[in-house]
């Protein structure tokens, strides 16, 4: 399967893959897989997913707060 992406998205993917030391193909494959898995959750409302994620954070001690990477 081939997917055409805007050049700006391709550039961002290449930069992200380089920062992570990963192959672009593997990065895109993982992103699509994660998207499909999350889209398959049809029996929950978005707020329920957020609540479940927040509850799980309580079980992961010493996880620093997430901050957006402005690079």
PDB file of N, CA and C in Angstrom:
ATOM      1  N   UNK A   1       0.847  -1.168   0.000  1.00  0.00           N
ATOM      2  CA  UNK A   1       0.000   0.000   0.000  1.00  0.00           C
ATOM      3  C   UNK A   1       0.893   1.231   0.000  1.00  0.00           C
ATOM      4  N   UNK A   2       0.471   2.212  -0.739  1.00  0.00           N
ATOM      5  CA  UNK A   2       1.193   3.484  -0.779  1.00  0.00           C
ATOM      6  C   UNK A   2       0.283   4.593  -0.278  1.00  0.00           C
ATOM      7  N   UNK A   3       0.860   5.497   0.482  1.00  0.00           N
ATOM      8  CA  UNK A   3       0.117   6.637   1.005  1.00  0.00           C
ATOM      9  C   UNK A   3       0.884   7.895   0.639  1.00  0.00           C
ATOM     10  N   UNK A   4       0.203   8.837   0.010  1.00  0.00           N
ATOM     11  CA  UNK A   4       0.818  10.113  -0.347  1.00  0.00           C
ATOM     12  C   UNK A   4       0.587  11.101   0.793  1.00  0.00           C
ATOM     13  N   UNK A   5       1.642  11.701   1.266  1.00  0.00           N
ATOM     14  CA  UNK A   5       1.559  12.674   2.351  1.00  0.00           C
ATOM     15  C   UNK A   5       2.109  14.011   1.870  1.00  0.00           C
ATOM     16  N   UNK A   6       1.603  15.100   2.413  1.00  0.00           N
ATOM     17  CA  UNK A   6       2.172  16.407   2.067  1.00  0.00           C
ATOM     18  C   UNK A   6       3.647  16.450   2.467  1.00  0.00           C
ATOM     19  N   UNK A   7       4.431  17.211   1.724  1.00  0.00           N
ATOM     20  CA  UNK A   7       5.869  17.267   1.985  1.00  0.00           C
ATOM     21  C   UNK A   7       6.164  17.761   3.401  1.00  0.00           C
ATOM     22  N   UNK A   8       5.317  18.622   3.945  1.00  0.00           N
ATOM     23  CA  UNK A   8       5.552  19.105   5.313  1.00  0.00           C
ATOM     24  C   UNK A   8       5.426  17.962   6.319  1.00  0.00           C
ATOM     25  N   UNK A   9       4.492  17.050   6.092  1.00  0.00           N
ATOM     26  CA  UNK A   9       4.323  15.898   6.983  1.00  0.00           C
ATOM     27  C   UNK A   9       5.501  14.940   6.817  1.00  0.00           C
ATOM     28  N   UNK A  10       5.924  14.728   5.595  1.00  0.00           N
ATOM     29  CA  UNK A  10       7.074  13.856   5.338  1.00  0.00           C
ATOM     30  C   UNK A  10       8.315  14.402   6.037  1.00  0.00           C
ATOM     31  N   UNK A  11       8.523  15.703   5.941  1.00  0.00           N
ATOM     32  CA  UNK A  11       9.680  16.323   6.607  1.00  0.00           C
ATOM     33  C   UNK A  11       9.617  16.118   8.115  1.00  0.00           C
ATOM     34  N   UNK A  12       8.432  16.304   8.691  1.00  0.00           N
ATOM     35  CA  UNK A  12       8.279  16.120  10.141  1.00  0.00           C
ATOM     36  C   UNK A  12       8.534  14.671  10.534  1.00  0.00           C
ATOM     37  N   UNK A  13       8.061  13.738   9.726  1.00  0.00           N
ATOM     38  CA  UNK A  13       8.299  12.313  10.003  1.00  0.00           C
ATOM     39  C   UNK A  13       9.786  11.983   9.936  1.00  0.00           C
ATOM     40  N   UNK A  14      10.463  12.504   8.937  1.00  0.00           N
ATOM     41  CA  UNK A  14      11.909  12.252   8.806  1.00  0.00           C
ATOM     42  C   UNK A  14      12.668  12.825   9.992  1.00  0.00           C
ATOM     43  N   UNK A  15      12.298  14.045  10.406  1.00  0.00           N
ATOM     44  CA  UNK A  15      12.970  14.666  11.555  1.00  0.00           C
ATOM     45  C   UNK A  15      12.730  13.867  12.832  1.00  0.00           C
ATOM     46  N   UNK A  16      11.490  13.433  13.039  1.00  0.00           N
ATOM     47  CA  UNK A  16      11.167  12.648  14.228  1.00  0.00           C
ATOM     48  C   UNK A  16      11.911  11.320  14.219  1.00  0.00           C
ATOM     49  N   UNK A  17      11.933  10.659  13.076  1.00  0.00           N
ATOM     50  CA  UNK A  17      12.638   9.381  12.973  1.00  0.00           C
ATOM     51  C   UNK A  17      14.129   9.562  13.245  1.00  0.00           C
ATOM     52  N   UNK A  18      14.705  10.624  12.726  1.00  0.00           N
ATOM     53  CA  UNK A  18      16.135  10.884  12.955  1.00  0.00           C
ATOM     54  C   UNK A  18      16.408  11.138  14.433  1.00  0.00           C
ATOM     55  N   UNK A  19      15.539  11.925  15.083  1.00  0.00           N
ATOM     56  CA  UNK A  19      15.733  12.199  16.517  1.00  0.00           C
ATOM     57  C   UNK A  19      15.625  10.937  17.344  1.00  0.00           C
ATOM     58  N   UNK A  20      14.760  10.011  16.916  1.00  0.00           N
ATOM     59  CA  UNK A  20      14.565   8.769  17.653  1.00  0.00           C
ATOM     60  C   UNK A  20      15.506   7.664  17.203  1.00  0.00           C
ATOM     61  N   UNK A  21      16.297   7.934  16.159  1.00  0.00           N
ATOM     62  CA  UNK A  21      17.209   6.921  15.640  1.00  0.00           C
ATOM     63  C   UNK A  21      16.464   5.723  15.043  1.00  0.00           C
ATOM     64  N   UNK A  22      15.346   6.012  14.388  1.00  0.00           N
ATOM     65  CA  UNK A  22      14.504   4.949  13.836  1.00  0.00           C
ATOM     66  C   UNK A  22      14.344   5.120  12.338  1.00  0.00           C
ATOM     67  N   UNK A  23      13.940   4.055  11.694  1.00  0.00           N
ATOM     68  CA  UNK A  23      13.614   4.079  10.285  1.00  0.00           C
ATOM     69  C   UNK A  23      12.250   4.747  10.107  1.00  0.00           C
ATOM     70  N   UNK A  24      12.115   5.602   9.099  1.00  0.00           N
ATOM     71  CA  UNK A  24      10.849   6.310   8.867  1.00  0.00           C
ATOM     72  C   UNK A  24       9.719   5.307   8.638  1.00  0.00           C
ATOM     73  N   UNK A  25       9.985   4.270   7.873  1.00  0.00           N
ATOM     74  CA  UNK A  25       8.949   3.273   7.579  1.00  0.00           C
ATOM     75  C   UNK A  25       8.426   2.638   8.866  1.00  0.00           C
ATOM     76  N   UNK A  26       9.331   2.284   9.773  1.00  0.00           N
ATOM     77  CA  UNK A  26       8.924   1.668  11.041  1.00  0.00           C
ATOM     78  C   UNK A  26       8.126   2.659  11.887  1.00  0.00           C
ATOM     79  N   UNK A  27       8.531   3.911  11.882  1.00  0.00           N
ATOM     80  CA  UNK A  27       7.829   4.946  12.638  1.00  0.00           C
ATOM     81  C   UNK A  27       6.396   5.118  12.121  1.00  0.00           C
ATOM     82  N   UNK A  28       6.240   5.199  10.816  1.00  0.00           N
ATOM     83  CA  UNK A  28       4.911   5.375  10.222  1.00  0.00           C
ATOM     84  C   UNK A  28       4.050   4.140  10.460  1.00  0.00           C
ATOM     85  N   UNK A  29       4.648   2.957  10.310  1.00  0.00           N
ATOM     86  CA  UNK A  29       3.895   1.720  10.539  1.00  0.00           C
ATOM     87  C   UNK A  29       3.367   1.662  11.968  1.00  0.00           C
ATOM     88  N   UNK A  30       4.196   2.022  12.932  1.00  0.00           N
ATOM     89  CA  UNK A  30       3.770   2.013  14.330  1.00  0.00           C
ATOM     90  C   UNK A  30       2.668   3.044  14.573  1.00  0.00           C
ATOM     91  N   UNK A  31       2.814   4.235  13.984  1.00  0.00           N
ATOM     92  CA  UNK A  31       1.809   5.279  14.159  1.00  0.00           C
ATOM     93  C   UNK A  31       0.460   4.845  13.593  1.00  0.00           C
ATOM     94  N   UNK A  32       0.460   4.232  12.424  1.00  0.00           N
ATOM     95  CA  UNK A  32      -0.790   3.773  11.822  1.00  0.00           C
ATOM     96  C   UNK A  32      -1.401   2.660  12.664  1.00  0.00           C
ATOM     97  N   UNK A  33      -0.567   1.742  13.134  1.00  0.00           N
ATOM     98  CA  UNK A  33      -1.064   0.645  13.978  1.00  0.00           C
ATOM     99  C   UNK A  33      -1.709   1.193  15.249  1.00  0.00           C
ATOM    100  N   UNK A  34      -1.031   2.145  15.906  1.00  0.00           N
ATOM    101  CA  UNK A  34      -1.581   2.728  17.125  1.00  0.00           C
ATOM    102  C   UNK A  34      -2.891   3.463  16.845  1.00  0.00           C
ATOM    103  N   UNK A  35      -2.944   4.153  15.719  1.00  0.00           N
ATOM    104  CA  UNK A  35      -4.175   4.857  15.364  1.00  0.00           C
ATOM    105  C   UNK A  35      -5.324   3.868  15.159  1.00  0.00           C
ATOM    106  N   UNK A  36      -5.061   2.791  14.422  1.00  0.00           N
ATOM    107  CA  UNK A  36      -6.101   1.800  14.165  1.00  0.00           C
ATOM    108  C   UNK A  36      -6.573   1.125  15.448  1.00  0.00           C
ATOM    109  N   UNK A  37      -5.637   0.839  16.344  1.00  0.00           N
ATOM    110  CA  UNK A  37      -6.014   0.227  17.616  1.00  0.00           C
ATOM    111  C   UNK A  37      -6.877   1.174  18.441  1.00  0.00           C
ATOM    112  N   UNK A  38      -6.513   2.445  18.478  1.00  0.00           N
ATOM    113  CA  UNK A  38      -7.304   3.401  19.263  1.00  0.00           C
ATOM    114  C   UNK A  38      -8.653   3.666  18.600  1.00  0.00           C
ATOM    115  N   UNK A  39      -8.704   3.663  17.283  1.00  0.00           N
ATOM    116  CA  UNK A  39      -9.964   3.887  16.575  1.00  0.00           C
ATOM    117  C   UNK A  39     -10.905   2.697  16.746  1.00  0.00           C
ATOM    118  N   UNK A  40     -10.353   1.538  17.065  1.00  0.00           N
ATOM    119  CA  UNK A  40     -11.173   0.337  17.225  1.00  0.00           C
ATOM    120  C   UNK A  40     -11.913   0.324  18.559  1.00  0.00           C
ATOM    121  N   UNK A  41     -11.578   1.227  19.446  1.00  0.00           N
ATOM    122  CA  UNK A  41     -12.272   1.311  20.738  1.00  0.00           C
ATOM    123  C   UNK A  41     -13.572   2.050  20.495  1.00  0.00           C
ATOM    124  N   UNK A  42     -14.615   1.300  20.189  1.00  0.00           N
ATOM    125  CA  UNK A  42     -15.878   1.928  19.824  1.00  0.00           C
ATOM    126  C   UNK A  42     -16.900   1.906  20.952  1.00  0.00           C
ATOM    127  N   UNK A  43     -16.619   1.168  22.003  1.00  0.00           N
ATOM    128  CA  UNK A  43     -17.598   1.075  23.081  1.00  0.00           C
ATOM    129  C   UNK A  43     -17.352   2.089  24.194  1.00  0.00           C
ATOM    130  N   UNK A  44     -16.403   2.997  23.985  1.00  0.00           N
ATOM    131  CA  UNK A  44     -16.102   4.017  24.995  1.00  0.00           C
ATOM    132  C   UNK A  44     -16.251   5.409  24.403  1.00  0.00           C
ATOM    133  N   UNK A  45     -16.663   6.316  25.240  1.00  0.00           N
ATOM    134  CA  UNK A  45     -16.691   7.729  24.866  1.00  0.00           C
ATOM    135  C   UNK A  45     -15.286   8.306  25.088  1.00  0.00           C
ATOM    136  N   UNK A  46     -14.918   9.364  24.376  1.00  0.00           N
ATOM    137  CA  UNK A  46     -13.580   9.963  24.568  1.00  0.00           C
ATOM    138  C   UNK A  46     -13.273  10.306  26.020  1.00  0.00           C
ATOM    139  N   UNK A  47     -14.254  10.765  26.775  1.00  0.00           N
ATOM    140  CA  UNK A  47     -13.997  11.108  28.179  1.00  0.00           C
ATOM    141  C   UNK A  47     -13.677   9.862  28.997  1.00  0.00           C
ATOM    142  N   UNK A  48     -14.261   8.723  28.625  1.00  0.00           N
ATOM    143  CA  UNK A  48     -13.970   7.476  29.340  1.00  0.00           C
ATOM    144  C   UNK A  48     -12.537   7.026  29.073  1.00  0.00           C
ATOM    145  N   UNK A  49     -12.066   7.220  27.846  1.00  0.00           N
ATOM    146  CA  UNK A  49     -10.677   6.865  27.527  1.00  0.00           C
ATOM    147  C   UNK A  49      -9.733   7.742  28.342  1.00  0.00           C
ATOM    148  N   UNK A  50     -10.022   9.034  28.402  1.00  0.00           N
ATOM    149  CA  UNK A  50      -9.176   9.954  29.182  1.00  0.00           C
ATOM    150  C   UNK A  50      -9.184   9.589  30.662  1.00  0.00           C
ATOM    151  N   UNK A  51     -10.326   9.231  31.184  1.00  0.00           N
ATOM    152  CA  UNK A  51     -10.414   8.832  32.594  1.00  0.00           C
ATOM    153  C   UNK A  51      -9.592   7.575  32.858  1.00  0.00           C
ATOM    154  N   UNK A  52      -9.646   6.618  31.942  1.00  0.00           N
ATOM    155  CA  UNK A  52      -8.877   5.383  32.105  1.00  0.00           C
ATOM    156  C   UNK A  52      -7.376   5.677  32.075  1.00  0.00           C
ATOM    157  N   UNK A  53      -6.966   6.564  31.168  1.00  0.00           N
ATOM    158  CA  UNK A  53      -5.550   6.914  31.101  1.00  0.00           C
ATOM    159  C   UNK A  53      -5.106   7.626  32.370  1.00  0.00           C
ATOM    160  N   UNK A  54      -5.923   8.510  32.880  1.00  0.00           N
ATOM    161  CA  UNK A  54      -5.586   9.224  34.119  1.00  0.00           C
ATOM    162  C   UNK A  54      -5.485   8.249  35.284  1.00  0.00           C
ATOM    163  N   UNK A  55      -6.371   7.259  35.339  1.00  0.00           N
ATOM    164  CA  UNK A  55      -6.319   6.262  36.407  1.00  0.00           C
ATOM    165  C   UNK A  55      -5.051   5.429  36.312  1.00  0.00           C
ATOM    166  N   UNK A  56      -4.637   5.100  35.100  1.00  0.00           N
ATOM    167  CA  UNK A  56      -3.420   4.312  34.923  1.00  0.00           C
ATOM    168  C   UNK A  56      -2.179   5.077  35.362  1.00  0.00           C
ATOM    169  N   UNK A  57      -2.180   6.383  35.195  1.00  0.00           N
ATOM    170  CA  UNK A  57      -1.030   7.180  35.618  1.00  0.00           C
ATOM    171  C   UNK A  57      -0.763   7.033  37.109  1.00  0.00           C
ATOM    172  N   UNK A  58      -1.817   6.835  37.891  1.00  0.00           N
ATOM    173  CA  UNK A  58      -1.656   6.642  39.326  1.00  0.00           C
ATOM    174  C   UNK A  58      -0.889   5.375  39.660  1.00  0.00           C
ATOM    175  N   UNK A  59      -0.842   4.444  38.718  1.00  0.00           N
ATOM    176  CA  UNK A  59      -0.142   3.184  38.941  1.00  0.00           C
ATOM    177  C   UNK A  59       1.304   3.233  38.459  1.00  0.00           C
ATOM    178  N   UNK A  60       1.705   4.371  37.891  1.00  0.00           N
ATOM    179  CA  UNK A  60       3.069   4.520  37.380  1.00  0.00           C
ATOM    180  C   UNK A  60       3.782   5.610  38.173  1.00  0.00           C
ATOM    181  N   UNK A  61       4.401   5.240  39.283  1.00  0.00           N
ATOM    182  CA  UNK A  61       5.080   6.253  40.098  1.00  0.00           C
ATOM    183  C   UNK A  61       6.321   6.799  39.393  1.00  0.00           C
ATOM    184  N   UNK A  62       6.662   8.013  39.751  1.00  0.00           N
ATOM    185  CA  UNK A  62       7.885   8.672  39.279  1.00  0.00           C
ATOM    186  C   UNK A  62       7.896   8.949  37.782  1.00  0.00           C
ATOM    187  N   UNK A  63       6.735   9.080  37.170  1.00  0.00           N
ATOM    188  CA  UNK A  63       6.676   9.465  35.765  1.00  0.00           C
ATOM    189  C   UNK A  63       6.601  10.986  35.717  1.00  0.00           C
ATOM    190  N   UNK A  64       7.586  11.624  35.084  1.00  0.00           N
ATOM    191  CA  UNK A  64       7.567  13.094  35.050  1.00  0.00           C
ATOM    192  C   UNK A  64       6.419  13.605  34.192  1.00  0.00           C
ATOM    193  N   UNK A  65       5.991  14.832  34.478  1.00  0.00           N
ATOM    194  CA  UNK A  65       4.953  15.459  33.678  1.00  0.00           C
ATOM    195  C   UNK A  65       5.424  15.586  32.233  1.00  0.00           C
ATOM    196  N   UNK A  66       4.487  15.370  31.297  1.00  0.00           N
ATOM    197  CA  UNK A  66       4.811  15.470  29.884  1.00  0.00           C
ATOM    198  C   UNK A  66       4.864  16.922  29.489  1.00  0.00           C
ATOM    199  N   UNK A  67       5.862  17.258  28.687  1.00  0.00           N
ATOM    200  CA  UNK A  67       5.990  18.612  28.152  1.00  0.00           C
ATOM    201  C   UNK A  67       6.188  18.516  26.655  1.00  0.00           C
ATOM    202  N   UNK A  68       5.515  19.379  25.912  1.00  0.00           N
ATOM    203  CA  UNK A  68       5.638  19.377  24.458  1.00  0.00           C
ATOM    204  C   UNK A  68       7.070  19.759  24.071  1.00  0.00           C
ATOM    205  N   UNK A  69       7.545  19.087  23.042  1.00  0.00           N
ATOM    206  CA  UNK A  69       8.867  19.387  22.502  1.00  0.00           C
ATOM    207  C   UNK A  69       8.708  20.464  21.444  1.00  0.00           C
ATOM    208  N   UNK A  70       9.258  21.634  21.705  1.00  0.00           N
ATOM    209  CA  UNK A  70       9.082  22.768  20.786  1.00  0.00           C
ATOM    210  C   UNK A  70      10.074  22.789  19.654  1.00  0.00           C
ATOM    211  N   UNK A  71      10.779  21.717  19.427  1.00  0.00           N
ATOM    212  CA  UNK A  71      11.806  21.718  18.373  1.00  0.00           C
ATOM    213  C   UNK A  71      11.197  21.634  17.008  1.00  0.00           C
TER     214      UNK A  71
END
